[in-house]
Amino acid sequence: MRRIVASLSAVLMLAAVTAMAQEKMKDPLKSGHEGKAKAGGAKSAAVIAKATSAAPPDIGRNAAVMGMGADGKMKELRAGTNGWTCMLDLAGDSMCLDKEWQAWGDAWMNKKDPPKPKTVGVAYMLKGDKGASNTDPYATKPTADNQWVVSGPHIMLLPTDVSQLDAYPTDWTKGGPWVMWKGTPYAHIMVPTTSMAKSASKAPAEKKAADKK
């Protein structure tokens, strides 16, 4: 999961951006910026294609898409019809979130307990990521002990009951679902869809064994 620190910042902007998106854009022909409009349209199309590639096509094609504007702020590039939101994080990794995950993102940004999901929350990152700490929800880079994990294509799940997390390990090397950020309000289940990439960080069990030596 690519630096959720950066990627979920877009979720907090969604409500305000959706309202702003209702305003009609100026006609580029009348404003004298046709060339810039075409370039901007091509760029937006590329961002939309990359962002929606995080989810299965049936979800991505009808999802809202958030992107970074020229002013460095997030804006809605395309309205959605299915309740999903796809976006690129600041490093260019893509993810698509359902409504439960969008609410989770708002809580994460404000450092408050997320609301209990009414249904199982689902988020897709089918293009993988470049890494995140397995222990610290706000880490932005690897350290000697924050278990930095680079994940390939995966799905993320928010359980309706936190006790459901107990059925899964925190060790991402076992070849199945595992729990990220266990013991924090932001714990969730990671479900790899391909083999996990090798990581320089030690998995929990490996670290424990190493500490005994």
N, C-alpha and C. Protein backbone atom coordinates (compact mmCIF):
# COMPACT_ATOMS: atom_id res chain seq x y z
N MET A 1 0.85 -1.19 0.00
CA MET A 1 0.00 0.00 0.00
C MET A 1 0.88 1.23 0.00
N ARG A 2 0.83 1.98 -1.05
CA ARG A 2 1.72 3.11 -1.27
C ARG A 2 1.43 4.25 -0.32
N ARG A 3 2.32 4.50 0.62
CA ARG A 3 2.24 5.66 1.50
C ARG A 3 0.83 6.20 1.65
N ILE A 4 0.04 5.46 2.38
CA ILE A 4 -1.34 5.89 2.57
C ILE A 4 -1.39 7.28 3.18
N VAL A 5 -0.26 7.67 3.78
CA VAL A 5 -0.12 9.03 4.30
C VAL A 5 -0.41 10.05 3.22
N ALA A 6 0.08 9.79 2.01
CA ALA A 6 -0.12 10.76 0.93
C ALA A 6 -1.42 10.51 0.18
N SER A 7 -1.70 9.25 -0.12
CA SER A 7 -2.81 8.96 -1.00
C SER A 7 -4.16 9.27 -0.42
N LEU A 8 -4.38 9.02 0.85
CA LEU A 8 -5.70 9.24 1.42
C LEU A 8 -5.96 10.69 1.78
N SER A 9 -4.96 11.55 1.61
CA SER A 9 -5.21 12.97 1.82
C SER A 9 -6.26 13.47 0.83
N ALA A 10 -6.36 12.81 -0.31
CA ALA A 10 -7.34 13.21 -1.32
C ALA A 10 -8.76 12.97 -0.85
N VAL A 11 -8.97 11.96 -0.03
CA VAL A 11 -10.32 11.62 0.41
C VAL A 11 -10.94 12.76 1.21
N LEU A 12 -10.13 13.39 2.05
CA LEU A 12 -10.63 14.46 2.89
C LEU A 12 -11.15 15.62 2.06
N MET A 13 -10.61 15.76 0.86
CA MET A 13 -10.99 16.87 0.00
C MET A 13 -12.27 16.59 -0.79
N LEU A 14 -12.76 15.36 -0.76
CA LEU A 14 -13.80 14.93 -1.69
C LEU A 14 -15.08 15.75 -1.60
N ALA A 15 -15.56 15.98 -0.39
CA ALA A 15 -16.83 16.69 -0.26
C ALA A 15 -16.75 18.09 -0.84
N ALA A 16 -15.70 18.83 -0.49
CA ALA A 16 -15.55 20.19 -0.99
C ALA A 16 -15.34 20.21 -2.49
N VAL A 17 -14.56 19.26 -2.98
CA VAL A 17 -14.26 19.21 -4.40
C VAL A 17 -15.50 18.87 -5.21
N THR A 18 -16.33 17.98 -4.68
CA THR A 18 -17.55 17.61 -5.39
C THR A 18 -18.44 18.82 -5.59
N ALA A 19 -18.52 19.68 -4.58
CA ALA A 19 -19.33 20.89 -4.71
C ALA A 19 -18.73 21.82 -5.76
N MET A 20 -17.42 21.96 -5.74
CA MET A 20 -16.76 22.83 -6.70
C MET A 20 -16.93 22.33 -8.12
N ALA A 21 -17.02 21.00 -8.25
CA ALA A 21 -17.11 20.41 -9.59
C ALA A 21 -18.42 20.73 -10.27
N GLN A 22 -19.39 21.21 -9.50
CA GLN A 22 -20.68 21.54 -10.09
C GLN A 22 -20.62 22.83 -10.93
N GLU A 23 -19.59 23.65 -10.66
CA GLU A 23 -19.46 24.89 -11.41
C GLU A 23 -19.02 24.61 -12.84
N LYS A 24 -19.59 25.33 -13.78
CA LYS A 24 -19.23 25.11 -15.18
C LYS A 24 -17.89 25.76 -15.49
N MET A 25 -17.07 25.01 -16.24
CA MET A 25 -15.78 25.53 -16.65
C MET A 25 -15.97 26.52 -17.80
N LYS A 26 -15.08 27.49 -17.93
CA LYS A 26 -15.13 28.45 -19.02
C LYS A 26 -14.86 27.76 -20.35
N ASP A 27 -15.50 28.24 -21.38
CA ASP A 27 -15.29 27.70 -22.72
C ASP A 27 -13.87 28.04 -23.16
N PRO A 28 -12.98 27.04 -23.38
CA PRO A 28 -11.60 27.32 -23.75
C PRO A 28 -11.49 28.09 -25.04
N LEU A 29 -12.46 27.95 -25.95
CA LEU A 29 -12.39 28.69 -27.21
C LEU A 29 -12.59 30.18 -26.96
N LYS A 30 -13.51 30.51 -26.06
CA LYS A 30 -13.78 31.91 -25.77
C LYS A 30 -12.68 32.53 -24.92
N SER A 31 -12.01 31.74 -24.10
CA SER A 31 -11.00 32.29 -23.22
C SER A 31 -9.64 32.41 -23.91
N GLY A 32 -9.52 31.85 -25.11
CA GLY A 32 -8.27 31.98 -25.84
C GLY A 32 -7.20 31.00 -25.41
N HIS A 33 -7.60 29.93 -24.76
CA HIS A 33 -6.61 28.96 -24.28
C HIS A 33 -6.93 27.56 -24.80
N GLU A 34 -7.28 27.47 -26.04
CA GLU A 34 -7.67 26.18 -26.62
C GLU A 34 -6.54 25.17 -26.52
N GLY A 35 -5.32 25.61 -26.86
CA GLY A 35 -4.20 24.67 -26.82
C GLY A 35 -3.96 24.13 -25.43
N LYS A 36 -4.00 25.03 -24.44
CA LYS A 36 -3.79 24.61 -23.06
C LYS A 36 -4.91 23.68 -22.61
N ALA A 37 -6.12 23.97 -23.05
CA ALA A 37 -7.26 23.14 -22.66
C ALA A 37 -7.10 21.72 -23.21
N LYS A 38 -6.66 21.64 -24.48
CA LYS A 38 -6.46 20.32 -25.07
C LYS A 38 -5.38 19.55 -24.34
N ALA A 39 -4.28 20.25 -24.00
CA ALA A 39 -3.19 19.60 -23.27
C ALA A 39 -3.67 19.15 -21.91
N GLY A 40 -4.44 20.04 -21.25
CA GLY A 40 -4.96 19.68 -19.94
C GLY A 40 -5.92 18.52 -20.00
N GLY A 41 -6.72 18.48 -21.08
CA GLY A 41 -7.66 17.37 -21.25
C GLY A 41 -6.96 16.05 -21.46
N ALA A 42 -5.87 16.10 -22.23
CA ALA A 42 -5.10 14.87 -22.46
C ALA A 42 -4.46 14.39 -21.17
N LYS A 43 -3.96 15.34 -20.38
CA LYS A 43 -3.34 14.98 -19.10
C LYS A 43 -4.37 14.39 -18.16
N SER A 44 -5.55 15.02 -18.10
CA SER A 44 -6.61 14.51 -17.23
C SER A 44 -7.03 13.11 -17.65
N ALA A 45 -7.11 12.89 -18.96
CA ALA A 45 -7.50 11.57 -19.46
C ALA A 45 -6.48 10.52 -19.03
N ALA A 46 -5.19 10.89 -19.06
CA ALA A 46 -4.13 9.95 -18.66
C ALA A 46 -4.22 9.65 -17.17
N VAL A 47 -4.49 10.68 -16.38
CA VAL A 47 -4.62 10.49 -14.93
C VAL A 47 -5.82 9.61 -14.63
N ILE A 48 -6.94 9.86 -15.30
CA ILE A 48 -8.14 9.06 -15.09
C ILE A 48 -7.88 7.60 -15.43
N ALA A 49 -7.21 7.36 -16.54
CA ALA A 49 -6.92 5.99 -16.96
C ALA A 49 -6.03 5.28 -15.94
N LYS A 50 -5.02 5.99 -15.44
CA LYS A 50 -4.10 5.37 -14.48
C LYS A 50 -4.78 5.15 -13.14
N ALA A 51 -5.55 6.14 -12.69
CA ALA A 51 -6.22 6.02 -11.39
C ALA A 51 -7.21 4.87 -11.39
N THR A 52 -8.01 4.77 -12.43
CA THR A 52 -9.05 3.73 -12.47
C THR A 52 -8.47 2.34 -12.71
N SER A 53 -7.21 2.27 -13.14
CA SER A 53 -6.58 0.96 -13.36
C SER A 53 -6.35 0.22 -12.06
N ALA A 54 -6.52 0.91 -10.93
CA ALA A 54 -6.34 0.27 -9.64
C ALA A 54 -7.45 -0.72 -9.33
N ALA A 55 -8.60 -0.56 -9.98
CA ALA A 55 -9.77 -1.40 -9.68
C ALA A 55 -10.16 -2.25 -10.87
N PRO A 56 -11.00 -3.26 -10.68
CA PRO A 56 -11.55 -4.00 -11.82
C PRO A 56 -12.28 -3.04 -12.76
N PRO A 57 -12.27 -3.30 -14.05
CA PRO A 57 -12.89 -2.38 -15.03
C PRO A 57 -14.33 -2.01 -14.72
N ASP A 58 -15.13 -2.95 -14.25
CA ASP A 58 -16.54 -2.65 -13.98
C ASP A 58 -16.71 -1.60 -12.89
N ILE A 59 -15.73 -1.50 -12.00
CA ILE A 59 -15.77 -0.48 -10.95
C ILE A 59 -15.12 0.81 -11.44
N GLY A 60 -13.96 0.68 -12.04
CA GLY A 60 -13.21 1.85 -12.46
C GLY A 60 -13.91 2.72 -13.48
N ARG A 61 -14.66 2.11 -14.39
CA ARG A 61 -15.26 2.90 -15.47
C ARG A 61 -16.37 3.84 -14.97
N ASN A 62 -16.94 3.55 -13.80
CA ASN A 62 -18.02 4.38 -13.28
C ASN A 62 -17.66 5.12 -12.00
N ALA A 63 -16.37 5.08 -11.62
CA ALA A 63 -15.94 5.71 -10.38
C ALA A 63 -15.62 7.18 -10.58
N ALA A 64 -15.77 7.97 -9.52
CA ALA A 64 -15.29 9.35 -9.53
C ALA A 64 -13.77 9.30 -9.51
N VAL A 65 -13.14 10.30 -10.09
CA VAL A 65 -11.68 10.34 -10.13
C VAL A 65 -11.17 11.67 -9.61
N MET A 66 -10.24 11.60 -8.68
CA MET A 66 -9.61 12.78 -8.12
C MET A 66 -8.20 12.91 -8.69
N GLY A 67 -7.77 14.16 -8.92
CA GLY A 67 -6.43 14.38 -9.43
C GLY A 67 -5.86 15.68 -8.91
N MET A 68 -4.55 15.84 -9.06
CA MET A 68 -3.88 17.03 -8.58
C MET A 68 -3.96 18.13 -9.63
N GLY A 69 -4.46 19.28 -9.23
CA GLY A 69 -4.55 20.41 -10.14
C GLY A 69 -3.24 21.16 -10.23
N ALA A 70 -3.18 22.14 -11.13
CA ALA A 70 -1.97 22.93 -11.32
C ALA A 70 -1.62 23.72 -10.06
N ASP A 71 -2.62 23.98 -9.21
CA ASP A 71 -2.37 24.72 -7.98
C ASP A 71 -1.95 23.82 -6.83
N GLY A 72 -1.75 22.53 -7.12
CA GLY A 72 -1.30 21.60 -6.09
C GLY A 72 -2.41 21.07 -5.21
N LYS A 73 -3.65 21.42 -5.52
CA LYS A 73 -4.77 20.95 -4.73
C LYS A 73 -5.54 19.86 -5.49
N MET A 74 -6.19 18.99 -4.72
CA MET A 74 -6.94 17.91 -5.33
C MET A 74 -8.25 18.44 -5.90
N LYS A 75 -8.63 17.92 -7.04
CA LYS A 75 -9.90 18.30 -7.65
C LYS A 75 -10.52 17.08 -8.30
N GLU A 76 -11.81 17.16 -8.53
CA GLU A 76 -12.51 16.06 -9.18
C GLU A 76 -12.33 16.18 -10.69
N LEU A 77 -11.71 15.17 -11.29
CA LEU A 77 -11.50 15.17 -12.73
C LEU A 77 -12.69 14.57 -13.46
N ARG A 78 -13.40 13.70 -12.76
CA ARG A 78 -14.57 13.07 -13.37
C ARG A 78 -15.55 12.68 -12.28
N ALA A 79 -16.81 12.98 -12.49
CA ALA A 79 -17.84 12.58 -11.53
C ALA A 79 -18.10 11.08 -11.66
N GLY A 80 -18.53 10.47 -10.58
CA GLY A 80 -18.82 9.04 -10.60
C GLY A 80 -20.29 8.76 -10.38
N THR A 81 -20.67 7.52 -10.62
CA THR A 81 -22.06 7.11 -10.45
C THR A 81 -22.23 5.89 -9.56
N ASN A 82 -21.11 5.30 -9.09
CA ASN A 82 -21.23 4.05 -8.34
C ASN A 82 -20.74 4.15 -6.89
N GLY A 83 -20.41 5.35 -6.43
CA GLY A 83 -19.99 5.52 -5.04
C GLY A 83 -18.51 5.29 -4.80
N TRP A 84 -17.77 4.86 -5.81
CA TRP A 84 -16.34 4.63 -5.67
C TRP A 84 -15.56 5.87 -6.06
N THR A 85 -14.38 6.03 -5.48
CA THR A 85 -13.48 7.12 -5.84
C THR A 85 -12.09 6.57 -6.12
N CYS A 86 -11.56 6.90 -7.28
CA CYS A 86 -10.20 6.48 -7.65
C CYS A 86 -9.30 7.70 -7.67
N MET A 87 -8.02 7.51 -7.39
CA MET A 87 -7.10 8.63 -7.33
C MET A 87 -5.66 8.16 -7.47
N LEU A 88 -4.78 9.12 -7.68
CA LEU A 88 -3.35 8.89 -7.64
C LEU A 88 -2.80 9.57 -6.39
N ASP A 89 -1.87 8.91 -5.71
CA ASP A 89 -1.24 9.59 -4.59
C ASP A 89 -0.12 10.50 -5.10
N LEU A 90 0.59 11.14 -4.22
CA LEU A 90 1.59 12.11 -4.63
C LEU A 90 2.76 11.47 -5.38
N ALA A 91 2.92 10.17 -5.24
CA ALA A 91 4.00 9.48 -5.95
C ALA A 91 3.51 8.85 -7.24
N GLY A 92 2.22 8.97 -7.53
CA GLY A 92 1.70 8.44 -8.78
C GLY A 92 1.11 7.05 -8.70
N ASP A 93 1.02 6.46 -7.49
CA ASP A 93 0.38 5.16 -7.35
C ASP A 93 -1.14 5.34 -7.31
N SER A 94 -1.86 4.34 -7.79
CA SER A 94 -3.31 4.45 -7.91
C SER A 94 -4.05 3.58 -6.91
N MET A 95 -5.23 4.06 -6.50
CA MET A 95 -6.11 3.29 -5.61
C MET A 95 -7.55 3.70 -5.85
N CYS A 96 -8.46 2.75 -5.57
CA CYS A 96 -9.89 3.01 -5.68
C CYS A 96 -10.57 2.60 -4.37
N LEU A 97 -11.38 3.49 -3.81
CA LEU A 97 -11.96 3.31 -2.49
C LEU A 97 -13.48 3.32 -2.52
N ASP A 98 -14.09 2.44 -1.72
CA ASP A 98 -15.54 2.51 -1.58
C ASP A 98 -15.87 3.54 -0.49
N LYS A 99 -17.15 3.70 -0.17
CA LYS A 99 -17.56 4.74 0.76
C LYS A 99 -17.04 4.49 2.17
N GLU A 100 -16.93 3.23 2.58
CA GLU A 100 -16.42 2.93 3.92
C GLU A 100 -14.96 3.38 4.04
N TRP A 101 -14.20 3.15 2.99
CA TRP A 101 -12.80 3.56 3.00
C TRP A 101 -12.66 5.08 2.91
N GLN A 102 -13.57 5.73 2.25
CA GLN A 102 -13.51 7.18 2.18
C GLN A 102 -13.74 7.79 3.57
N ALA A 103 -14.66 7.21 4.34
CA ALA A 103 -14.90 7.67 5.70
C ALA A 103 -13.69 7.37 6.58
N TRP A 104 -13.08 6.23 6.36
CA TRP A 104 -11.86 5.86 7.08
C TRP A 104 -10.77 6.88 6.82
N GLY A 105 -10.63 7.29 5.56
CA GLY A 105 -9.60 8.25 5.20
C GLY A 105 -9.78 9.59 5.89
N ASP A 106 -11.03 10.03 6.02
CA ASP A 106 -11.31 11.27 6.73
C ASP A 106 -10.87 11.17 8.18
N ALA A 107 -11.15 10.03 8.82
CA ALA A 107 -10.75 9.83 10.21
C ALA A 107 -9.23 9.79 10.34
N TRP A 108 -8.59 9.13 9.42
CA TRP A 108 -7.13 9.05 9.45
C TRP A 108 -6.50 10.44 9.36
N MET A 109 -7.00 11.25 8.43
CA MET A 109 -6.45 12.59 8.24
C MET A 109 -6.61 13.45 9.49
N ASN A 110 -7.70 13.25 10.22
CA ASN A 110 -7.98 14.06 11.41
C ASN A 110 -7.52 13.39 12.70
N LYS A 111 -6.84 12.26 12.55
CA LYS A 111 -6.30 11.52 13.70
C LYS A 111 -7.37 11.25 14.75
N LYS A 112 -8.50 10.73 14.24
CA LYS A 112 -9.59 10.35 15.14
C LYS A 112 -10.01 8.92 14.80
N ASP A 113 -10.73 8.30 15.72
CA ASP A 113 -11.17 6.93 15.47
C ASP A 113 -12.13 6.90 14.29
N PRO A 114 -11.89 6.02 13.34
CA PRO A 114 -12.81 5.92 12.20
C PRO A 114 -14.14 5.34 12.62
N PRO A 115 -15.22 5.67 11.92
CA PRO A 115 -16.52 5.09 12.24
C PRO A 115 -16.51 3.60 11.95
N LYS A 116 -17.32 2.87 12.69
CA LYS A 116 -17.41 1.43 12.45
C LYS A 116 -18.07 1.20 11.10
N PRO A 117 -17.42 0.43 10.24
CA PRO A 117 -18.01 0.18 8.91
C PRO A 117 -19.38 -0.49 9.03
N LYS A 118 -20.32 -0.01 8.25
CA LYS A 118 -21.64 -0.63 8.22
C LYS A 118 -21.61 -1.91 7.40
N THR A 119 -20.73 -1.94 6.43
CA THR A 119 -20.48 -3.14 5.64
C THR A 119 -18.98 -3.27 5.50
N VAL A 120 -18.52 -4.41 5.04
CA VAL A 120 -17.08 -4.61 4.84
C VAL A 120 -16.57 -3.57 3.84
N GLY A 121 -15.56 -2.80 4.23
CA GLY A 121 -14.99 -1.80 3.34
C GLY A 121 -14.00 -2.44 2.38
N VAL A 122 -14.02 -1.99 1.14
CA VAL A 122 -13.13 -2.56 0.12
C VAL A 122 -12.39 -1.45 -0.61
N ALA A 123 -11.09 -1.64 -0.77
CA ALA A 123 -10.27 -0.73 -1.57
C ALA A 123 -9.36 -1.56 -2.45
N TYR A 124 -9.16 -1.10 -3.67
CA TYR A 124 -8.32 -1.81 -4.62
C TYR A 124 -7.03 -1.06 -4.90
N MET A 125 -5.93 -1.79 -4.94
CA MET A 125 -4.66 -1.29 -5.44
C MET A 125 -4.05 -2.38 -6.32
N LEU A 126 -4.67 -2.60 -7.46
CA LEU A 126 -4.28 -3.71 -8.32
C LEU A 126 -3.01 -3.44 -9.12
N LYS A 127 -2.44 -2.26 -8.94
CA LYS A 127 -1.14 -1.95 -9.54
C LYS A 127 -0.03 -1.97 -8.50
N GLY A 128 -0.38 -2.31 -7.25
CA GLY A 128 0.63 -2.37 -6.20
C GLY A 128 1.03 -1.01 -5.68
N ASP A 129 2.10 -0.98 -4.88
CA ASP A 129 2.57 0.27 -4.30
C ASP A 129 4.08 0.23 -4.11
N LYS A 130 4.61 1.31 -3.59
CA LYS A 130 6.05 1.41 -3.38
C LYS A 130 6.43 1.33 -1.91
N GLY A 131 5.46 1.05 -1.07
CA GLY A 131 5.81 0.78 0.31
C GLY A 131 5.09 1.61 1.36
N ALA A 132 4.95 1.02 2.55
CA ALA A 132 4.37 1.69 3.72
C ALA A 132 4.84 0.93 4.95
N SER A 133 4.85 1.60 6.09
CA SER A 133 5.19 0.95 7.34
C SER A 133 4.07 0.00 7.74
N ASN A 134 4.44 -1.15 8.30
CA ASN A 134 3.44 -2.10 8.77
C ASN A 134 3.02 -1.80 10.21
N THR A 135 3.68 -0.83 10.85
CA THR A 135 3.40 -0.55 12.25
C THR A 135 2.96 0.89 12.52
N ASP A 136 3.37 1.83 11.70
CA ASP A 136 3.12 3.24 11.95
C ASP A 136 2.25 3.84 10.84
N PRO A 137 1.00 4.18 11.14
CA PRO A 137 0.09 4.72 10.11
C PRO A 137 0.55 6.04 9.49
N TYR A 138 1.49 6.72 10.16
CA TYR A 138 1.90 8.03 9.66
C TYR A 138 3.36 8.08 9.19
N ALA A 139 3.99 6.92 9.08
CA ALA A 139 5.37 6.88 8.59
C ALA A 139 5.42 7.23 7.11
N THR A 140 6.42 7.99 6.72
CA THR A 140 6.57 8.39 5.32
C THR A 140 7.80 7.79 4.66
N LYS A 141 8.62 7.09 5.45
CA LYS A 141 9.81 6.46 4.90
C LYS A 141 10.23 5.30 5.80
N PRO A 142 11.01 4.36 5.27
CA PRO A 142 11.43 3.21 6.08
C PRO A 142 12.43 3.60 7.15
N THR A 143 12.36 2.90 8.28
CA THR A 143 13.34 3.03 9.35
C THR A 143 13.80 1.63 9.72
N ALA A 144 14.68 1.53 10.68
CA ALA A 144 15.23 0.24 11.07
C ALA A 144 14.19 -0.68 11.70
N ASP A 145 13.13 -0.10 12.25
CA ASP A 145 12.18 -0.94 12.98
C ASP A 145 10.71 -0.70 12.64
N ASN A 146 10.39 -0.01 11.55
CA ASN A 146 8.97 0.22 11.27
C ASN A 146 8.39 -0.74 10.23
N GLN A 147 9.12 -1.81 9.93
CA GLN A 147 8.62 -2.88 9.05
C GLN A 147 8.05 -2.33 7.74
N TRP A 148 8.89 -1.71 6.97
CA TRP A 148 8.47 -1.13 5.69
C TRP A 148 8.16 -2.24 4.70
N VAL A 149 6.97 -2.24 4.15
CA VAL A 149 6.51 -3.32 3.28
C VAL A 149 6.17 -2.76 1.90
N VAL A 150 6.72 -3.39 0.88
CA VAL A 150 6.36 -3.06 -0.50
C VAL A 150 5.40 -4.13 -1.00
N SER A 151 4.21 -3.73 -1.39
CA SER A 151 3.18 -4.69 -1.79
C SER A 151 2.95 -4.65 -3.30
N GLY A 152 2.73 -5.83 -3.87
CA GLY A 152 2.31 -5.92 -5.25
C GLY A 152 0.81 -5.67 -5.32
N PRO A 153 0.15 -6.08 -6.38
CA PRO A 153 -1.30 -5.90 -6.49
C PRO A 153 -2.03 -6.48 -5.27
N HIS A 154 -2.96 -5.72 -4.73
CA HIS A 154 -3.66 -6.19 -3.54
C HIS A 154 -5.00 -5.50 -3.37
N ILE A 155 -5.80 -6.09 -2.48
CA ILE A 155 -7.08 -5.54 -2.06
C ILE A 155 -6.97 -5.25 -0.57
N MET A 156 -7.63 -4.20 -0.10
CA MET A 156 -7.63 -3.86 1.32
C MET A 156 -9.05 -3.94 1.86
N LEU A 157 -9.20 -4.53 3.04
CA LEU A 157 -10.53 -4.74 3.62
C LEU A 157 -10.62 -4.11 5.01
N LEU A 158 -11.75 -3.48 5.27
CA LEU A 158 -12.08 -2.98 6.60
C LEU A 158 -13.16 -3.90 7.18
N PRO A 159 -12.88 -4.60 8.27
CA PRO A 159 -13.89 -5.51 8.85
C PRO A 159 -14.97 -4.74 9.59
N THR A 160 -16.13 -5.35 9.71
CA THR A 160 -17.23 -4.74 10.45
C THR A 160 -17.06 -4.91 11.96
N ASP A 161 -16.17 -5.82 12.35
CA ASP A 161 -15.88 -6.09 13.76
C ASP A 161 -14.38 -6.22 13.91
N VAL A 162 -13.78 -5.43 14.77
CA VAL A 162 -12.32 -5.43 14.91
C VAL A 162 -11.79 -6.79 15.33
N SER A 163 -12.61 -7.62 15.99
CA SER A 163 -12.16 -8.94 16.42
C SER A 163 -11.87 -9.85 15.22
N GLN A 164 -12.43 -9.51 14.07
CA GLN A 164 -12.18 -10.31 12.87
C GLN A 164 -10.72 -10.23 12.43
N LEU A 165 -10.01 -9.21 12.88
CA LEU A 165 -8.60 -9.07 12.54
C LEU A 165 -7.75 -10.16 13.20
N ASP A 166 -8.24 -10.70 14.30
CA ASP A 166 -7.46 -11.69 15.05
C ASP A 166 -7.23 -12.98 14.28
N ALA A 167 -7.99 -13.20 13.24
CA ALA A 167 -7.84 -14.43 12.45
C ALA A 167 -6.64 -14.37 11.50
N TYR A 168 -6.01 -13.20 11.40
CA TYR A 168 -4.94 -13.04 10.42
C TYR A 168 -3.64 -12.58 11.09
N PRO A 169 -2.51 -12.99 10.54
CA PRO A 169 -1.21 -12.59 11.11
C PRO A 169 -0.85 -11.17 10.68
N THR A 170 0.20 -10.64 11.29
CA THR A 170 0.76 -9.37 10.83
C THR A 170 1.97 -9.61 9.93
N ASP A 171 2.33 -10.86 9.78
CA ASP A 171 3.48 -11.26 8.95
C ASP A 171 3.04 -11.33 7.49
N TRP A 172 3.60 -10.45 6.67
CA TRP A 172 3.21 -10.37 5.27
C TRP A 172 3.93 -11.38 4.37
N THR A 173 4.79 -12.19 4.95
CA THR A 173 5.58 -13.13 4.15
C THR A 173 4.95 -14.52 4.07
N LYS A 174 3.80 -14.72 4.67
CA LYS A 174 3.20 -16.05 4.76
C LYS A 174 2.42 -16.45 3.51
N GLY A 175 2.24 -15.54 2.61
CA GLY A 175 1.57 -15.91 1.36
C GLY A 175 0.06 -15.81 1.38
N GLY A 176 -0.49 -15.04 2.29
CA GLY A 176 -1.94 -14.89 2.37
C GLY A 176 -2.31 -13.54 2.96
N PRO A 177 -3.56 -13.35 3.33
CA PRO A 177 -3.99 -12.08 3.93
C PRO A 177 -3.24 -11.81 5.24
N TRP A 178 -3.01 -10.54 5.52
CA TRP A 178 -2.33 -10.15 6.74
C TRP A 178 -2.85 -8.80 7.21
N VAL A 179 -2.59 -8.48 8.46
CA VAL A 179 -3.12 -7.26 9.05
C VAL A 179 -2.05 -6.17 9.09
N MET A 180 -2.37 -5.03 8.57
CA MET A 180 -1.49 -3.86 8.65
C MET A 180 -1.98 -2.93 9.76
N TRP A 181 -1.04 -2.36 10.50
CA TRP A 181 -1.31 -1.39 11.55
C TRP A 181 -2.15 -1.96 12.68
N LYS A 182 -1.95 -3.25 12.96
CA LYS A 182 -2.70 -3.88 14.05
C LYS A 182 -2.39 -3.17 15.37
N GLY A 183 -3.42 -3.03 16.20
CA GLY A 183 -3.26 -2.35 17.48
C GLY A 183 -3.51 -0.87 17.40
N THR A 184 -3.80 -0.37 16.19
CA THR A 184 -4.16 1.04 16.02
C THR A 184 -5.61 1.11 15.52
N PRO A 185 -6.24 2.28 15.58
CA PRO A 185 -7.62 2.40 15.08
C PRO A 185 -7.71 2.20 13.57
N TYR A 186 -6.56 2.18 12.89
CA TYR A 186 -6.56 2.13 11.43
C TYR A 186 -6.17 0.76 10.89
N ALA A 187 -6.22 -0.26 11.74
CA ALA A 187 -5.87 -1.61 11.31
C ALA A 187 -6.82 -2.09 10.21
N HIS A 188 -6.28 -2.80 9.26
CA HIS A 188 -7.08 -3.32 8.16
C HIS A 188 -6.40 -4.55 7.58
N ILE A 189 -7.13 -5.26 6.74
CA ILE A 189 -6.61 -6.51 6.16
C ILE A 189 -6.08 -6.26 4.76
N MET A 190 -4.87 -6.72 4.52
CA MET A 190 -4.26 -6.65 3.20
C MET A 190 -4.39 -8.03 2.54
N VAL A 191 -4.88 -8.06 1.32
CA VAL A 191 -5.08 -9.32 0.60
C VAL A 191 -4.28 -9.28 -0.70
N PRO A 192 -3.07 -9.87 -0.71
CA PRO A 192 -2.28 -9.87 -1.94
C PRO A 192 -2.96 -10.70 -3.02
N THR A 193 -2.87 -10.25 -4.25
CA THR A 193 -3.40 -11.03 -5.37
C THR A 193 -2.29 -11.66 -6.20
N THR A 194 -1.03 -11.36 -5.84
CA THR A 194 0.14 -12.01 -6.43
C THR A 194 1.14 -12.24 -5.30
N SER A 195 2.24 -12.87 -5.60
CA SER A 195 3.27 -13.10 -4.58
C SER A 195 3.82 -11.77 -4.09
N MET A 196 4.08 -11.69 -2.79
CA MET A 196 4.66 -10.48 -2.23
C MET A 196 6.11 -10.33 -2.65
N ALA A 197 6.51 -9.08 -2.92
CA ALA A 197 7.90 -8.82 -3.28
C ALA A 197 8.79 -8.99 -2.05
N LYS A 198 10.04 -9.35 -2.27
CA LYS A 198 10.98 -9.46 -1.16
C LYS A 198 11.24 -8.07 -0.59
N SER A 199 11.36 -8.00 0.73
CA SER A 199 11.55 -6.71 1.38
C SER A 199 12.80 -6.74 2.23
N ALA A 200 13.44 -5.58 2.33
CA ALA A 200 14.63 -5.48 3.16
C ALA A 200 14.25 -5.51 4.64
N SER A 201 13.02 -5.15 4.97
CA SER A 201 12.56 -5.15 6.35
C SER A 201 12.23 -6.56 6.80
N LYS A 202 12.45 -6.84 8.07
CA LYS A 202 12.13 -8.15 8.62
C LYS A 202 10.65 -8.22 8.96
N ALA A 203 10.04 -9.36 8.68
CA ALA A 203 8.66 -9.59 9.10
C ALA A 203 8.65 -9.74 10.61
N PRO A 204 7.49 -9.59 11.25
CA PRO A 204 7.43 -9.64 12.72
C PRO A 204 8.08 -10.86 13.33
N ALA A 205 7.77 -12.05 12.83
CA ALA A 205 8.34 -13.26 13.39
C ALA A 205 9.84 -13.30 13.22
N GLU A 206 10.34 -12.87 12.07
CA GLU A 206 11.77 -12.86 11.78
C GLU A 206 12.49 -11.90 12.71
N LYS A 207 11.88 -10.74 12.96
CA LYS A 207 12.49 -9.74 13.82
C LYS A 207 12.58 -10.26 15.24
N LYS A 208 11.51 -10.93 15.71
CA LYS A 208 11.48 -11.47 17.05
C LYS A 208 12.59 -12.50 17.25
N ALA A 209 12.76 -13.38 16.24
CA ALA A 209 13.79 -14.40 16.33
C ALA A 209 15.17 -13.75 16.35
N ALA A 210 15.35 -12.72 15.53
CA ALA A 210 16.63 -12.05 15.45
C ALA A 210 16.97 -11.37 16.77
N ASP A 211 15.95 -10.82 17.45
CA ASP A 211 16.18 -10.11 18.70
C ASP A 211 16.62 -11.04 19.82
N LYS A 212 16.31 -12.33 19.71
CA LYS A 212 16.67 -13.30 20.75
C LYS A 212 18.13 -13.68 20.69
N LYS A 213 18.76 -13.44 19.52
CA LYS A 213 20.16 -13.83 19.34
C LYS A 213 21.09 -12.87 20.09
